[in-house]
Amino acid sequence: LLELGRWRNLVVQLYIYEAVKAVNEKRLRSAEGHLNSLENILQGQLPETIDEDAVALAYSKVAHYAYRRSTQDALDWIEQGLRYSPKSTLLLGLKDFYKNR
């Protein structure tokens, strides 16, 4: 089913939603798992129908909580998010903030 565009996009949107929800519920490992699954599906290419801002939000939230573990973890999540949303002011701002800490 993931080969079909509509199903793939639906699953991508679901993983984005679940990642944000998991962070809001303070379940970082679950959120990271959702983004890793998202990564496996997208493989570096975001479909045009998926909102870049939603992807950036999910990665920024996970990065923010990963920052509590280490700055490098946060930066790694930000870099992954920038692959899908390279012009995101949210991710670029966080990247600068974490680099200067």
PDB file of N, CA and C in Angstrom:
ATOM      1  N   LEU A   1       0.804  -1.209   0.000  1.00  0.00           N
ATOM      2  CA  LEU A   1       0.000   0.000   0.000  1.00  0.00           C
ATOM      3  C   LEU A   1       0.846   1.271   0.000  1.00  0.00           C
ATOM      4  N   LEU A   2       2.060   1.197   0.590  1.00  0.00           N
ATOM      5  CA  LEU A   2       2.881   2.398   0.668  1.00  0.00           C
ATOM      6  C   LEU A   2       3.391   2.844  -0.695  1.00  0.00           C
ATOM      7  N   GLU A   3       3.301   1.976  -1.689  1.00  0.00           N
ATOM      8  CA  GLU A   3       3.697   2.361  -3.040  1.00  0.00           C
ATOM      9  C   GLU A   3       2.669   3.295  -3.673  1.00  0.00           C
ATOM     10  N   LEU A   4       1.443   3.254  -3.195  1.00  0.00           N
ATOM     11  CA  LEU A   4       0.391   4.116  -3.712  1.00  0.00           C
ATOM     12  C   LEU A   4       0.470   5.472  -3.023  1.00  0.00           C
ATOM     13  N   GLY A   5       0.478   6.531  -3.817  1.00  0.00           N
ATOM     14  CA  GLY A   5       0.680   7.877  -3.293  1.00  0.00           C
ATOM     15  C   GLY A   5      -0.246   8.289  -2.173  1.00  0.00           C
ATOM     16  N   ARG A   6      -1.532   8.028  -2.321  1.00  0.00           N
ATOM     17  CA  ARG A   6      -2.489   8.459  -1.295  1.00  0.00           C
ATOM     18  C   ARG A   6      -2.243   7.769   0.037  1.00  0.00           C
ATOM     19  N   TRP A   7      -2.001   6.472  -0.001  1.00  0.00           N
ATOM     20  CA  TRP A   7      -1.765   5.733   1.242  1.00  0.00           C
ATOM     21  C   TRP A   7      -0.462   6.173   1.884  1.00  0.00           C
ATOM     22  N   ARG A   8       0.534   6.358   1.062  1.00  0.00           N
ATOM     23  CA  ARG A   8       1.837   6.803   1.570  1.00  0.00           C
ATOM     24  C   ARG A   8       1.687   8.153   2.260  1.00  0.00           C
ATOM     25  N   ASN A   9       1.000   9.092   1.620  1.00  0.00           N
ATOM     26  CA  ASN A   9       0.798  10.409   2.212  1.00  0.00           C
ATOM     27  C   ASN A   9       0.001  10.335   3.504  1.00  0.00           C
ATOM     28  N   LEU A  10      -0.990   9.475   3.545  1.00  0.00           N
ATOM     29  CA  LEU A  10      -1.783   9.303   4.763  1.00  0.00           C
ATOM     30  C   LEU A  10      -0.919   8.773   5.899  1.00  0.00           C
ATOM     31  N   VAL A  11      -0.086   7.795   5.615  1.00  0.00           N
ATOM     32  CA  VAL A  11       0.800   7.226   6.643  1.00  0.00           C
ATOM     33  C   VAL A  11       1.811   8.274   7.099  1.00  0.00           C
ATOM     34  N   VAL A  12       2.341   9.058   6.169  1.00  0.00           N
ATOM     35  CA  VAL A  12       3.287  10.123   6.524  1.00  0.00           C
ATOM     36  C   VAL A  12       2.618  11.125   7.457  1.00  0.00           C
ATOM     37  N   GLN A  13       1.426  11.561   7.109  1.00  0.00           N
ATOM     38  CA  GLN A  13       0.708  12.509   7.960  1.00  0.00           C
ATOM     39  C   GLN A  13       0.423  11.923   9.337  1.00  0.00           C
ATOM     40  N   LEU A  14       0.117  10.648   9.374  1.00  0.00           N
ATOM     41  CA  LEU A  14      -0.143   9.980  10.644  1.00  0.00           C
ATOM     42  C   LEU A  14       1.113   9.953  11.519  1.00  0.00           C
ATOM     43  N   TYR A  15       2.256   9.632  10.938  1.00  0.00           N
ATOM     44  CA  TYR A  15       3.498   9.615  11.706  1.00  0.00           C
ATOM     45  C   TYR A  15       3.862  11.004  12.228  1.00  0.00           C
ATOM     46  N   ILE A  16       3.623  12.023  11.419  1.00  0.00           N
ATOM     47  CA  ILE A  16       3.889  13.397  11.871  1.00  0.00           C
ATOM     48  C   ILE A  16       2.991  13.729  13.060  1.00  0.00           C
ATOM     49  N   TYR A  17       1.718  13.450  12.918  1.00  0.00           N
ATOM     50  CA  TYR A  17       0.751  13.708  13.995  1.00  0.00           C
ATOM     51  C   TYR A  17       1.130  12.943  15.260  1.00  0.00           C
ATOM     52  N   GLU A  18       1.436  11.666  15.117  1.00  0.00           N
ATOM     53  CA  GLU A  18       1.766  10.839  16.278  1.00  0.00           C
ATOM     54  C   GLU A  18       3.063  11.287  16.945  1.00  0.00           C
ATOM     55  N   ALA A  19       4.022  11.751  16.178  1.00  0.00           N
ATOM     56  CA  ALA A  19       5.277  12.242  16.763  1.00  0.00           C
ATOM     57  C   ALA A  19       5.018  13.476  17.619  1.00  0.00           C
ATOM     58  N   VAL A  20       4.247  14.417  17.089  1.00  0.00           N
ATOM     59  CA  VAL A  20       3.927  15.636  17.846  1.00  0.00           C
ATOM     60  C   VAL A  20       3.118  15.279  19.088  1.00  0.00           C
ATOM     61  N   LYS A  21       2.153  14.399  18.935  1.00  0.00           N
ATOM     62  CA  LYS A  21       1.323  13.981  20.072  1.00  0.00           C
ATOM     63  C   LYS A  21       2.173  13.313  21.150  1.00  0.00           C
ATOM     64  N   ALA A  22       3.093  12.460  20.745  1.00  0.00           N
ATOM     65  CA  ALA A  22       3.942  11.763  21.717  1.00  0.00           C
ATOM     66  C   ALA A  22       4.820  12.747  22.482  1.00  0.00           C
ATOM     67  N   VAL A  23       5.359  13.754  21.800  1.00  0.00           N
ATOM     68  CA  VAL A  23       6.173  14.758  22.500  1.00  0.00           C
ATOM     69  C   VAL A  23       5.306  15.527  23.484  1.00  0.00           C
ATOM     70  N   ASN A  24       4.113  15.904  23.057  1.00  0.00           N
ATOM     71  CA  ASN A  24       3.210  16.637  23.954  1.00  0.00           C
ATOM     72  C   ASN A  24       2.855  15.817  25.190  1.00  0.00           C
ATOM     73  N   GLU A  25       2.865  14.499  25.043  1.00  0.00           N
ATOM     74  CA  GLU A  25       2.580  13.608  26.170  1.00  0.00           C
ATOM     75  C   GLU A  25       3.857  13.178  26.893  1.00  0.00           C
ATOM     76  N   LYS A  26       4.982  13.818  26.515  1.00  0.00           N
ATOM     77  CA  LYS A  26       6.290  13.569  27.139  1.00  0.00           C
ATOM     78  C   LYS A  26       6.760  12.125  26.959  1.00  0.00           C
ATOM     79  N   ARG A  27       6.479  11.574  25.781  1.00  0.00           N
ATOM     80  CA  ARG A  27       6.942  10.224  25.432  1.00  0.00           C
ATOM     81  C   ARG A  27       7.951  10.353  24.294  1.00  0.00           C
ATOM     82  N   LEU A  28       9.163  10.798  24.658  1.00  0.00           N
ATOM     83  CA  LEU A  28      10.173  11.099  23.656  1.00  0.00           C
ATOM     84  C   LEU A  28      10.569   9.885  22.838  1.00  0.00           C
ATOM     85  N   ARG A  29      10.754   8.757  23.466  1.00  0.00           N
ATOM     86  CA  ARG A  29      11.153   7.548  22.722  1.00  0.00           C
ATOM     87  C   ARG A  29      10.113   7.188  21.659  1.00  0.00           C
ATOM     88  N   SER A  30       8.872   7.325  22.004  1.00  0.00           N
ATOM     89  CA  SER A  30       7.807   7.041  21.047  1.00  0.00           C
ATOM     90  C   SER A  30       7.850   8.044  19.893  1.00  0.00           C
ATOM     91  N   ALA A  31       8.048   9.310  20.220  1.00  0.00           N
ATOM     92  CA  ALA A  31       8.129  10.347  19.184  1.00  0.00           C
ATOM     93  C   ALA A  31       9.309  10.084  18.253  1.00  0.00           C
ATOM     94  N   GLU A  32      10.439   9.716  18.825  1.00  0.00           N
ATOM     95  CA  GLU A  32      11.605   9.397  18.009  1.00  0.00           C
ATOM     96  C   GLU A  32      11.324   8.191  17.107  1.00  0.00           C
ATOM     97  N   GLY A  33      10.624   7.222  17.634  1.00  0.00           N
ATOM     98  CA  GLY A  33      10.257   6.049  16.844  1.00  0.00           C
ATOM     99  C   GLY A  33       9.371   6.413  15.665  1.00  0.00           C
ATOM    100  N   HIS A  34       8.432   7.330  15.891  1.00  0.00           N
ATOM    101  CA  HIS A  34       7.550   7.773  14.808  1.00  0.00           C
ATOM    102  C   HIS A  34       8.348   8.502  13.726  1.00  0.00           C
ATOM    103  N   LEU A  35       9.299   9.340  14.137  1.00  0.00           N
ATOM    104  CA  LEU A  35      10.097  10.048  13.141  1.00  0.00           C
ATOM    105  C   LEU A  35      11.044   9.105  12.412  1.00  0.00           C
ATOM    106  N   ASN A  36      11.545   8.094  13.103  1.00  0.00           N
ATOM    107  CA  ASN A  36      12.376   7.098  12.418  1.00  0.00           C
ATOM    108  C   ASN A  36      11.558   6.323  11.386  1.00  0.00           C
ATOM    109  N   SER A  37      10.324   6.001  11.728  1.00  0.00           N
ATOM    110  CA  SER A  37       9.440   5.330  10.772  1.00  0.00           C
ATOM    111  C   SER A  37       9.132   6.252   9.596  1.00  0.00           C
ATOM    112  N   LEU A  38       8.928   7.518   9.893  1.00  0.00           N
ATOM    113  CA  LEU A  38       8.695   8.511   8.853  1.00  0.00           C
ATOM    114  C   LEU A  38       9.891   8.567   7.905  1.00  0.00           C
ATOM    115  N   GLU A  39      11.067   8.569   8.467  1.00  0.00           N
ATOM    116  CA  GLU A  39      12.300   8.598   7.692  1.00  0.00           C
ATOM    117  C   GLU A  39      12.393   7.385   6.758  1.00  0.00           C
ATOM    118  N   ASN A  40      12.014   6.231   7.259  1.00  0.00           N
ATOM    119  CA  ASN A  40      12.046   5.016   6.440  1.00  0.00           C
ATOM    120  C   ASN A  40      11.114   5.109   5.240  1.00  0.00           C
ATOM    121  N   ILE A  41       9.995   5.778   5.419  1.00  0.00           N
ATOM    122  CA  ILE A  41       9.035   5.922   4.325  1.00  0.00           C
ATOM    123  C   ILE A  41       9.487   6.995   3.337  1.00  0.00           C
ATOM    124  N   LEU A  42       9.911   8.144   3.857  1.00  0.00           N
ATOM    125  CA  LEU A  42      10.240   9.274   2.990  1.00  0.00           C
ATOM    126  C   LEU A  42      11.583   9.128   2.282  1.00  0.00           C
ATOM    127  N   GLN A  43      12.538   8.551   2.956  1.00  0.00           N
ATOM    128  CA  GLN A  43      13.883   8.359   2.408  1.00  0.00           C
ATOM    129  C   GLN A  43      14.445   9.627   1.784  1.00  0.00           C
ATOM    130  N   GLY A  44      14.286  10.744   2.489  1.00  0.00           N
ATOM    131  CA  GLY A  44      14.876  12.000   2.065  1.00  0.00           C
ATOM    132  C   GLY A  44      14.056  12.849   1.115  1.00  0.00           C
ATOM    133  N   GLN A  45      12.864  12.385   0.715  1.00  0.00           N
ATOM    134  CA  GLN A  45      12.049  13.145  -0.222  1.00  0.00           C
ATOM    135  C   GLN A  45      10.644  13.345   0.333  1.00  0.00           C
ATOM    136  N   LEU A  46      10.276  14.589   0.509  1.00  0.00           N
ATOM    137  CA  LEU A  46       8.956  14.927   1.033  1.00  0.00           C
ATOM    138  C   LEU A  46       7.969  15.087  -0.121  1.00  0.00           C
ATOM    139  N   PRO A  47       6.855  14.356  -0.084  1.00  0.00           N
ATOM    140  CA  PRO A  47       5.842  14.531  -1.143  1.00  0.00           C
ATOM    141  C   PRO A  47       5.304  15.962  -1.131  1.00  0.00           C
ATOM    142  N   GLU A  48       4.938  16.458  -2.286  1.00  0.00           N
ATOM    143  CA  GLU A  48       4.439  17.834  -2.402  1.00  0.00           C
ATOM    144  C   GLU A  48       3.188  18.083  -1.575  1.00  0.00           C
ATOM    145  N   THR A  49       2.425  17.052  -1.324  1.00  0.00           N
ATOM    146  CA  THR A  49       1.161  17.232  -0.617  1.00  0.00           C
ATOM    147  C   THR A  49       1.336  17.309   0.901  1.00  0.00           C
ATOM    148  N   ILE A  50       2.523  17.080   1.383  1.00  0.00           N
ATOM    149  CA  ILE A  50       2.778  17.135   2.820  1.00  0.00           C
ATOM    150  C   ILE A  50       3.323  18.515   3.178  1.00  0.00           C
ATOM    151  N   ASP A  51       2.751  19.121   4.186  1.00  0.00           N
ATOM    152  CA  ASP A  51       3.115  20.462   4.621  1.00  0.00           C
ATOM    153  C   ASP A  51       4.491  20.451   5.296  1.00  0.00           C
ATOM    154  N   GLU A  52       5.420  21.225   4.753  1.00  0.00           N
ATOM    155  CA  GLU A  52       6.765  21.305   5.327  1.00  0.00           C
ATOM    156  C   GLU A  52       6.739  21.818   6.758  1.00  0.00           C
ATOM    157  N   ASP A  53       5.833  22.725   7.047  1.00  0.00           N
ATOM    158  CA  ASP A  53       5.754  23.281   8.405  1.00  0.00           C
ATOM    159  C   ASP A  53       5.378  22.213   9.431  1.00  0.00           C
ATOM    160  N   ALA A  54       4.522  21.289   9.044  1.00  0.00           N
ATOM    161  CA  ALA A  54       4.137  20.208   9.954  1.00  0.00           C
ATOM    162  C   ALA A  54       5.330  19.308  10.241  1.00  0.00           C
ATOM    163  N   VAL A  55       6.100  19.028   9.214  1.00  0.00           N
ATOM    164  CA  VAL A  55       7.300  18.205   9.394  1.00  0.00           C
ATOM    165  C   VAL A  55       8.300  18.940  10.285  1.00  0.00           C
ATOM    166  N   ALA A  56       8.486  20.221  10.018  1.00  0.00           N
ATOM    167  CA  ALA A  56       9.417  21.022  10.818  1.00  0.00           C
ATOM    168  C   ALA A  56       8.990  21.063  12.282  1.00  0.00           C
ATOM    169  N   LEU A  57       7.690  21.180  12.518  1.00  0.00           N
ATOM    170  CA  LEU A  57       7.184  21.199  13.894  1.00  0.00           C
ATOM    171  C   LEU A  57       7.514  19.895  14.611  1.00  0.00           C
ATOM    172  N   ALA A  58       7.271  18.782  13.952  1.00  0.00           N
ATOM    173  CA  ALA A  58       7.539  17.477  14.567  1.00  0.00           C
ATOM    174  C   ALA A  58       9.026  17.329  14.904  1.00  0.00           C
ATOM    175  N   TYR A  59       9.880  17.646  13.964  1.00  0.00           N
ATOM    176  CA  TYR A  59      11.316  17.514  14.211  1.00  0.00           C
ATOM    177  C   TYR A  59      11.805  18.514  15.263  1.00  0.00           C
ATOM    178  N   SER A  60      11.245  19.721  15.273  1.00  0.00           N
ATOM    179  CA  SER A  60      11.679  20.706  16.271  1.00  0.00           C
ATOM    180  C   SER A  60      11.275  20.288  17.680  1.00  0.00           C
ATOM    181  N   LYS A  61      10.084  19.721  17.810  1.00  0.00           N
ATOM    182  CA  LYS A  61       9.635  19.270  19.132  1.00  0.00           C
ATOM    183  C   LYS A  61      10.510  18.131  19.655  1.00  0.00           C
ATOM    184  N   VAL A  62      10.818  17.187  18.785  1.00  0.00           N
ATOM    185  CA  VAL A  62      11.673  16.080  19.200  1.00  0.00           C
ATOM    186  C   VAL A  62      13.076  16.604  19.521  1.00  0.00           C
ATOM    187  N   ALA A  63      13.583  17.517  18.709  1.00  0.00           N
ATOM    188  CA  ALA A  63      14.900  18.095  18.962  1.00  0.00           C
ATOM    189  C   ALA A  63      14.938  18.817  20.309  1.00  0.00           C
ATOM    190  N   HIS A  64      13.877  19.544  20.598  1.00  0.00           N
ATOM    191  CA  HIS A  64      13.821  20.293  21.862  1.00  0.00           C
ATOM    192  C   HIS A  64      13.937  19.363  23.071  1.00  0.00           C
ATOM    193  N   TYR A  65      13.245  18.256  23.037  1.00  0.00           N
ATOM    194  CA  TYR A  65      13.318  17.328  24.156  1.00  0.00           C
ATOM    195  C   TYR A  65      14.588  16.486  24.125  1.00  0.00           C
ATOM    196  N   ALA A  66      15.114  16.218  22.942  1.00  0.00           N
ATOM    197  CA  ALA A  66      16.385  15.493  22.837  1.00  0.00           C
ATOM    198  C   ALA A  66      17.528  16.348  23.369  1.00  0.00           C
ATOM    199  N   TYR A  67      17.376  17.650  23.308  1.00  0.00           N
ATOM    200  CA  TYR A  67      18.388  18.573  23.803  1.00  0.00           C
ATOM    201  C   TYR A  67      18.675  18.348  25.294  1.00  0.00           C
ATOM    202  N   ARG A  68      17.689  17.869  26.006  1.00  0.00           N
ATOM    203  CA  ARG A  68      17.878  17.586  27.436  1.00  0.00           C
ATOM    204  C   ARG A  68      18.911  16.485  27.645  1.00  0.00           C
ATOM    205  N   ARG A  69      19.032  15.575  26.644  1.00  0.00           N
ATOM    206  CA  ARG A  69      20.047  14.519  26.698  1.00  0.00           C
ATOM    207  C   ARG A  69      21.398  15.053  26.263  1.00  0.00           C
ATOM    208  N   SER A  70      21.388  15.685  25.091  1.00  0.00           N
ATOM    209  CA  SER A  70      22.635  16.249  24.576  1.00  0.00           C
ATOM    210  C   SER A  70      22.352  17.216  23.436  1.00  0.00           C
ATOM    211  N   THR A  71      23.244  18.166  23.306  1.00  0.00           N
ATOM    212  CA  THR A  71      23.133  19.128  22.227  1.00  0.00           C
ATOM    213  C   THR A  71      23.253  18.431  20.882  1.00  0.00           C
ATOM    214  N   GLN A  72      24.151  17.453  20.792  1.00  0.00           N
ATOM    215  CA  GLN A  72      24.357  16.762  19.522  1.00  0.00           C
ATOM    216  C   GLN A  72      23.111  15.996  19.083  1.00  0.00           C
ATOM    217  N   ASP A  73      22.411  15.371  20.029  1.00  0.00           N
ATOM    218  CA  ASP A  73      21.150  14.692  19.688  1.00  0.00           C
ATOM    219  C   ASP A  73      20.156  15.676  19.079  1.00  0.00           C
ATOM    220  N   ALA A  74      20.039  16.834  19.702  1.00  0.00           N
ATOM    221  CA  ALA A  74      19.122  17.853  19.199  1.00  0.00           C
ATOM    222  C   ALA A  74      19.524  18.300  17.799  1.00  0.00           C
ATOM    223  N   LEU A  75      20.801  18.549  17.596  1.00  0.00           N
ATOM    224  CA  LEU A  75      21.274  18.986  16.286  1.00  0.00           C
ATOM    225  C   LEU A  75      21.070  17.917  15.221  1.00  0.00           C
ATOM    226  N   ASP A  76      21.224  16.659  15.597  1.00  0.00           N
ATOM    227  CA  ASP A  76      20.987  15.568  14.648  1.00  0.00           C
ATOM    228  C   ASP A  76      19.533  15.542  14.190  1.00  0.00           C
ATOM    229  N   TRP A  77      18.599  15.726  15.127  1.00  0.00           N
ATOM    230  CA  TRP A  77      17.175  15.756  14.760  1.00  0.00           C
ATOM    231  C   TRP A  77      16.867  16.968  13.887  1.00  0.00           C
ATOM    232  N   ILE A  78      17.483  18.079  14.193  1.00  0.00           N
ATOM    233  CA  ILE A  78      17.262  19.283  13.386  1.00  0.00           C
ATOM    234  C   ILE A  78      17.765  19.071  11.962  1.00  0.00           C
ATOM    235  N   GLU A  79      18.943  18.474  11.830  1.00  0.00           N
ATOM    236  CA  GLU A  79      19.485  18.207  10.494  1.00  0.00           C
ATOM    237  C   GLU A  79      18.563  17.285   9.694  1.00  0.00           C
ATOM    238  N   GLN A  80      18.012  16.287  10.352  1.00  0.00           N
ATOM    239  CA  GLN A  80      17.060  15.403   9.657  1.00  0.00           C
ATOM    240  C   GLN A  80      15.848  16.197   9.192  1.00  0.00           C
ATOM    241  N   GLY A  81      15.337  17.043  10.051  1.00  0.00           N
ATOM    242  CA  GLY A  81      14.179  17.852   9.694  1.00  0.00           C
ATOM    243  C   GLY A  81      14.468  18.812   8.559  1.00  0.00           C
ATOM    244  N   LEU A  82      15.689  19.346   8.523  1.00  0.00           N
ATOM    245  CA  LEU A  82      16.056  20.276   7.462  1.00  0.00           C
ATOM    246  C   LEU A  82      16.137  19.599   6.091  1.00  0.00           C
ATOM    247  N   ARG A  83      16.280  18.296   6.073  1.00  0.00           N
ATOM    248  CA  ARG A  83      16.248  17.582   4.796  1.00  0.00           C
ATOM    249  C   ARG A  83      14.879  17.723   4.129  1.00  0.00           C
ATOM    250  N   TYR A  84      13.837  17.800   4.947  1.00  0.00           N
ATOM    251  CA  TYR A  84      12.471  17.877   4.433  1.00  0.00           C
ATOM    252  C   TYR A  84      11.917  19.298   4.405  1.00  0.00           C
ATOM    253  N   SER A  85      12.469  20.137   5.223  1.00  0.00           N
ATOM    254  CA  SER A  85      12.009  21.522   5.301  1.00  0.00           C
ATOM    255  C   SER A  85      13.238  22.436   5.410  1.00  0.00           C
ATOM    256  N   PRO A  86      14.005  22.552   4.310  1.00  0.00           N
ATOM    257  CA  PRO A  86      15.299  23.243   4.362  1.00  0.00           C
ATOM    258  C   PRO A  86      15.227  24.742   4.651  1.00  0.00           C
ATOM    259  N   LYS A  87      14.086  25.349   4.445  1.00  0.00           N
ATOM    260  CA  LYS A  87      13.962  26.794   4.669  1.00  0.00           C
ATOM    261  C   LYS A  87      13.194  27.121   5.940  1.00  0.00           C
ATOM    262  N   SER A  88      12.961  26.124   6.767  1.00  0.00           N
ATOM    263  CA  SER A  88      12.176  26.327   7.980  1.00  0.00           C
ATOM    264  C   SER A  88      12.900  27.269   8.944  1.00  0.00           C
ATOM    265  N   THR A  89      12.278  28.401   9.196  1.00  0.00           N
ATOM    266  CA  THR A  89      12.878  29.341  10.144  1.00  0.00           C
ATOM    267  C   THR A  89      12.891  28.757  11.555  1.00  0.00           C
ATOM    268  N   LEU A  90      11.922  27.910  11.850  1.00  0.00           N
ATOM    269  CA  LEU A  90      11.875  27.256  13.154  1.00  0.00           C
ATOM    270  C   LEU A  90      13.096  26.366  13.351  1.00  0.00           C
ATOM    271  N   LEU A  91      13.361  25.484  12.390  1.00  0.00           N
ATOM    272  CA  LEU A  91      14.506  24.579  12.510  1.00  0.00           C
ATOM    273  C   LEU A  91      15.832  25.326  12.416  1.00  0.00           C
ATOM    274  N   LEU A  92      15.925  26.270  11.520  1.00  0.00           N
ATOM    275  CA  LEU A  92      17.175  27.036  11.379  1.00  0.00           C
ATOM    276  C   LEU A  92      17.460  27.851  12.636  1.00  0.00           C
ATOM    277  N   GLY A  93      16.415  28.415  13.230  1.00  0.00           N
ATOM    278  CA  GLY A  93      16.589  29.167  14.477  1.00  0.00           C
ATOM    279  C   GLY A  93      17.039  28.274  15.621  1.00  0.00           C
ATOM    280  N   LEU A  94      16.426  27.095  15.724  1.00  0.00           N
ATOM    281  CA  LEU A  94      16.843  26.153  16.773  1.00  0.00           C
ATOM    282  C   LEU A  94      18.271  25.689  16.562  1.00  0.00           C
ATOM    283  N   LYS A  95      18.629  25.462  15.317  1.00  0.00           N
ATOM    284  CA  LYS A  95      19.990  25.024  15.003  1.00  0.00           C
ATOM    285  C   LYS A  95      21.003  26.065  15.487  1.00  0.00           C
ATOM    286  N   ASP A  96      20.757  27.319  15.171  1.00  0.00           N
ATOM    287  CA  ASP A  96      21.646  28.397  15.637  1.00  0.00           C
ATOM    288  C   ASP A  96      21.673  28.485  17.154  1.00  0.00           C
ATOM    289  N   PHE A  97      20.506  28.371  17.767  1.00  0.00           N
ATOM    290  CA  PHE A  97      20.409  28.469  19.224  1.00  0.00           C
ATOM    291  C   PHE A  97      21.214  27.358  19.904  1.00  0.00           C
ATOM    292  N   TYR A  98      21.029  26.111  19.440  1.00  0.00           N
ATOM    293  CA  TYR A  98      21.717  24.984  20.070  1.00  0.00           C
ATOM    294  C   TYR A  98      23.211  24.994  19.786  1.00  0.00           C
ATOM    295  N   LYS A  99      23.611  25.464  18.624  1.00  0.00           N
ATOM    296  CA  LYS A  99      25.034  25.521  18.302  1.00  0.00           C
ATOM    297  C   LYS A  99      25.778  26.515  19.203  1.00  0.00           C
ATOM    298  N   ASN A 100      25.064  27.553  19.593  1.00  0.00           N
ATOM    299  CA  ASN A 100      25.700  28.609  20.394  1.00  0.00           C
ATOM    300  C   ASN A 100      25.570  28.396  21.892  1.00  0.00           C
ATOM    301  N   ARG A 101      25.131  27.244  22.294  1.00  0.00           N
ATOM    302  CA  ARG A 101      24.978  26.969  23.730  1.00  0.00           C
ATOM    303  C   ARG A 101      26.150  26.202  24.228  1.00  0.00           C
TER     304      ARG A 101
END
